[in-house]
Amino acid sequence: MYMVMCVDEFAQRKNLSQKEAFLYLRQFGGISFLDEYYDIEHTLPFDDTMDALTGICLKDGGAIT
C-alpha cells in the first residue's frame, strides 16, 4: 500500500500518469529504493520521500526534477 501511495504522490507532483510514474521509478531506482528502505521511509513525511525519490532517480540517469 505504501508503494502505491508513493507512486501516486510522485505522479501528481511530477504531472505524470500513475503508469508513467511507476515505469520511471522502476527504471531509475526509485522502486528499489522504496523497497529497500521501507522501514525508514514510511516514517518520514511524503515531502522528504519525494525529494529522496527525485534525487535517487536523477543520480541513476533520470531527468525529471
N, C-alpha and C. Protein backbone atom coordinates (compact mmCIF):
# COMPACT_ATOMS: atom_id res chain seq x y z
N MET A 1 0.81 -1.19 0.00
CA MET A 1 0.00 0.00 0.00
C MET A 1 0.87 1.27 0.00
N TYR A 2 1.94 1.27 0.79
CA TYR A 2 2.81 2.44 0.86
C TYR A 2 3.44 2.74 -0.50
N MET A 3 3.87 1.70 -1.19
CA MET A 3 4.49 1.87 -2.50
C MET A 3 3.51 2.53 -3.47
N VAL A 4 2.27 2.08 -3.45
CA VAL A 4 1.23 2.64 -4.33
C VAL A 4 1.01 4.11 -4.00
N MET A 5 0.98 4.43 -2.72
CA MET A 5 0.79 5.82 -2.31
C MET A 5 1.96 6.69 -2.78
N CYS A 6 3.16 6.17 -2.70
CA CYS A 6 4.33 6.93 -3.14
C CYS A 6 4.32 7.15 -4.65
N VAL A 7 3.98 6.12 -5.41
CA VAL A 7 3.91 6.26 -6.87
C VAL A 7 2.83 7.28 -7.23
N ASP A 8 1.69 7.20 -6.57
CA ASP A 8 0.60 8.15 -6.84
C ASP A 8 1.03 9.58 -6.52
N GLU A 9 1.65 9.77 -5.38
CA GLU A 9 2.10 11.11 -4.98
C GLU A 9 3.17 11.64 -5.95
N PHE A 10 4.10 10.76 -6.34
CA PHE A 10 5.14 11.15 -7.30
C PHE A 10 4.50 11.56 -8.62
N ALA A 11 3.53 10.78 -9.08
CA ALA A 11 2.84 11.08 -10.34
C ALA A 11 2.17 12.45 -10.27
N GLN A 12 1.49 12.72 -9.19
CA GLN A 12 0.81 14.01 -9.04
C GLN A 12 1.79 15.17 -9.03
N ARG A 13 2.87 15.01 -8.28
CA ARG A 13 3.85 16.10 -8.15
C ARG A 13 4.62 16.36 -9.44
N LYS A 14 4.80 15.31 -10.23
CA LYS A 14 5.59 15.44 -11.47
C LYS A 14 4.72 15.52 -12.72
N ASN A 15 3.42 15.60 -12.53
CA ASN A 15 2.49 15.71 -13.66
C ASN A 15 2.57 14.52 -14.61
N LEU A 16 2.61 13.32 -14.05
CA LEU A 16 2.69 12.09 -14.82
C LEU A 16 1.46 11.24 -14.53
N SER A 17 1.18 10.29 -15.41
CA SER A 17 0.17 9.29 -15.09
C SER A 17 0.79 8.34 -14.06
N GLN A 18 -0.04 7.57 -13.40
CA GLN A 18 0.50 6.61 -12.43
C GLN A 18 1.38 5.58 -13.13
N LYS A 19 1.00 5.16 -14.31
CA LYS A 19 1.81 4.20 -15.06
C LYS A 19 3.17 4.80 -15.43
N GLU A 20 3.16 6.03 -15.93
CA GLU A 20 4.42 6.69 -16.29
C GLU A 20 5.32 6.84 -15.06
N ALA A 21 4.72 7.22 -13.94
CA ALA A 21 5.50 7.39 -12.71
C ALA A 21 6.10 6.07 -12.27
N PHE A 22 5.30 5.00 -12.29
CA PHE A 22 5.81 3.70 -11.88
C PHE A 22 6.96 3.25 -12.78
N LEU A 23 6.77 3.36 -14.09
CA LEU A 23 7.81 2.94 -15.03
C LEU A 23 9.09 3.76 -14.85
N TYR A 24 8.94 5.06 -14.64
CA TYR A 24 10.10 5.93 -14.40
C TYR A 24 10.82 5.52 -13.12
N LEU A 25 10.05 5.36 -12.04
CA LEU A 25 10.65 5.00 -10.75
C LEU A 25 11.31 3.62 -10.82
N ARG A 26 10.71 2.70 -11.54
CA ARG A 26 11.31 1.37 -11.69
C ARG A 26 12.60 1.44 -12.49
N GLN A 27 12.58 2.21 -13.57
CA GLN A 27 13.77 2.29 -14.45
C GLN A 27 14.95 2.97 -13.76
N PHE A 28 14.67 3.96 -12.93
CA PHE A 28 15.75 4.77 -12.37
C PHE A 28 15.97 4.56 -10.87
N GLY A 29 15.54 3.42 -10.35
CA GLY A 29 15.91 3.02 -8.99
C GLY A 29 15.00 3.45 -7.86
N GLY A 30 13.95 4.18 -8.16
CA GLY A 30 13.07 4.64 -7.10
C GLY A 30 12.30 3.52 -6.42
N ILE A 31 11.81 2.57 -7.19
CA ILE A 31 11.06 1.45 -6.63
C ILE A 31 11.98 0.59 -5.75
N SER A 32 13.16 0.32 -6.22
CA SER A 32 14.13 -0.45 -5.42
C SER A 32 14.47 0.28 -4.13
N PHE A 33 14.63 1.59 -4.22
CA PHE A 33 14.91 2.40 -3.03
C PHE A 33 13.78 2.28 -2.01
N LEU A 34 12.54 2.43 -2.47
CA LEU A 34 11.40 2.32 -1.56
C LEU A 34 11.31 0.94 -0.94
N ASP A 35 11.58 -0.08 -1.73
CA ASP A 35 11.53 -1.45 -1.22
C ASP A 35 12.62 -1.68 -0.17
N GLU A 36 13.82 -1.24 -0.48
CA GLU A 36 14.96 -1.47 0.41
C GLU A 36 14.87 -0.67 1.71
N TYR A 37 14.36 0.56 1.63
CA TYR A 37 14.36 1.44 2.80
C TYR A 37 12.97 1.72 3.35
N TYR A 38 12.04 0.81 3.07
CA TYR A 38 10.67 0.98 3.54
C TYR A 38 10.61 1.26 5.04
N ASP A 39 11.37 0.51 5.83
CA ASP A 39 11.30 0.64 7.29
C ASP A 39 11.61 2.05 7.77
N ILE A 40 12.41 2.78 7.03
CA ILE A 40 12.74 4.17 7.39
C ILE A 40 11.81 5.14 6.68
N GLU A 41 11.66 4.95 5.38
CA GLU A 41 10.91 5.91 4.56
C GLU A 41 9.46 6.06 4.98
N HIS A 42 8.82 4.98 5.42
CA HIS A 42 7.39 5.11 5.75
C HIS A 42 7.16 5.91 7.02
N THR A 43 8.22 6.23 7.75
CA THR A 43 8.09 7.06 8.96
C THR A 43 8.31 8.55 8.66
N LEU A 44 8.76 8.86 7.46
CA LEU A 44 9.08 10.23 7.09
C LEU A 44 7.91 10.90 6.37
N PRO A 45 7.89 12.24 6.38
CA PRO A 45 6.86 12.96 5.61
C PRO A 45 7.02 12.69 4.11
N PHE A 46 5.89 12.74 3.39
CA PHE A 46 5.94 12.50 1.94
C PHE A 46 6.88 13.48 1.24
N ASP A 47 6.98 14.70 1.70
CA ASP A 47 7.90 15.65 1.06
C ASP A 47 9.32 15.11 1.06
N ASP A 48 9.75 14.56 2.18
CA ASP A 48 11.10 14.01 2.27
C ASP A 48 11.27 12.80 1.35
N THR A 49 10.26 11.95 1.31
CA THR A 49 10.32 10.77 0.45
C THR A 49 10.34 11.17 -1.02
N MET A 50 9.54 12.15 -1.40
CA MET A 50 9.51 12.59 -2.80
C MET A 50 10.85 13.23 -3.18
N ASP A 51 11.45 13.98 -2.27
CA ASP A 51 12.77 14.56 -2.53
C ASP A 51 13.81 13.45 -2.71
N ALA A 52 13.73 12.42 -1.86
CA ALA A 52 14.67 11.31 -1.95
C ALA A 52 14.48 10.56 -3.28
N LEU A 53 13.24 10.30 -3.65
CA LEU A 53 12.98 9.61 -4.92
C LEU A 53 13.51 10.40 -6.10
N THR A 54 13.26 11.70 -6.09
CA THR A 54 13.75 12.55 -7.17
C THR A 54 15.27 12.48 -7.25
N GLY A 55 15.94 12.59 -6.11
CA GLY A 55 17.40 12.54 -6.08
C GLY A 55 17.96 11.20 -6.54
N ILE A 56 17.36 10.12 -6.07
CA ILE A 56 17.82 8.78 -6.47
C ILE A 56 17.69 8.61 -7.98
N CYS A 57 16.55 8.99 -8.51
CA CYS A 57 16.32 8.83 -9.95
C CYS A 57 17.25 9.72 -10.77
N LEU A 58 17.48 10.93 -10.33
CA LEU A 58 18.41 11.81 -11.04
C LEU A 58 19.82 11.22 -11.03
N LYS A 59 20.23 10.70 -9.88
CA LYS A 59 21.55 10.10 -9.75
C LYS A 59 21.70 8.89 -10.67
N ASP A 60 20.61 8.18 -10.90
CA ASP A 60 20.65 6.99 -11.74
C ASP A 60 20.27 7.25 -13.20
N GLY A 61 20.29 8.52 -13.61
CA GLY A 61 20.08 8.84 -15.03
C GLY A 61 18.73 9.40 -15.41
N GLY A 62 17.83 9.52 -14.46
CA GLY A 62 16.52 10.11 -14.75
C GLY A 62 16.65 11.61 -15.01
N ALA A 63 15.65 12.18 -15.63
CA ALA A 63 15.73 13.60 -16.00
C ALA A 63 14.59 14.44 -15.43
N ILE A 64 13.70 13.83 -14.66
CA ILE A 64 12.57 14.57 -14.10
C ILE A 64 12.98 15.21 -12.79
N THR A 65 12.84 16.51 -12.71
CA THR A 65 13.21 17.23 -11.48
C THR A 65 12.02 17.67 -10.69
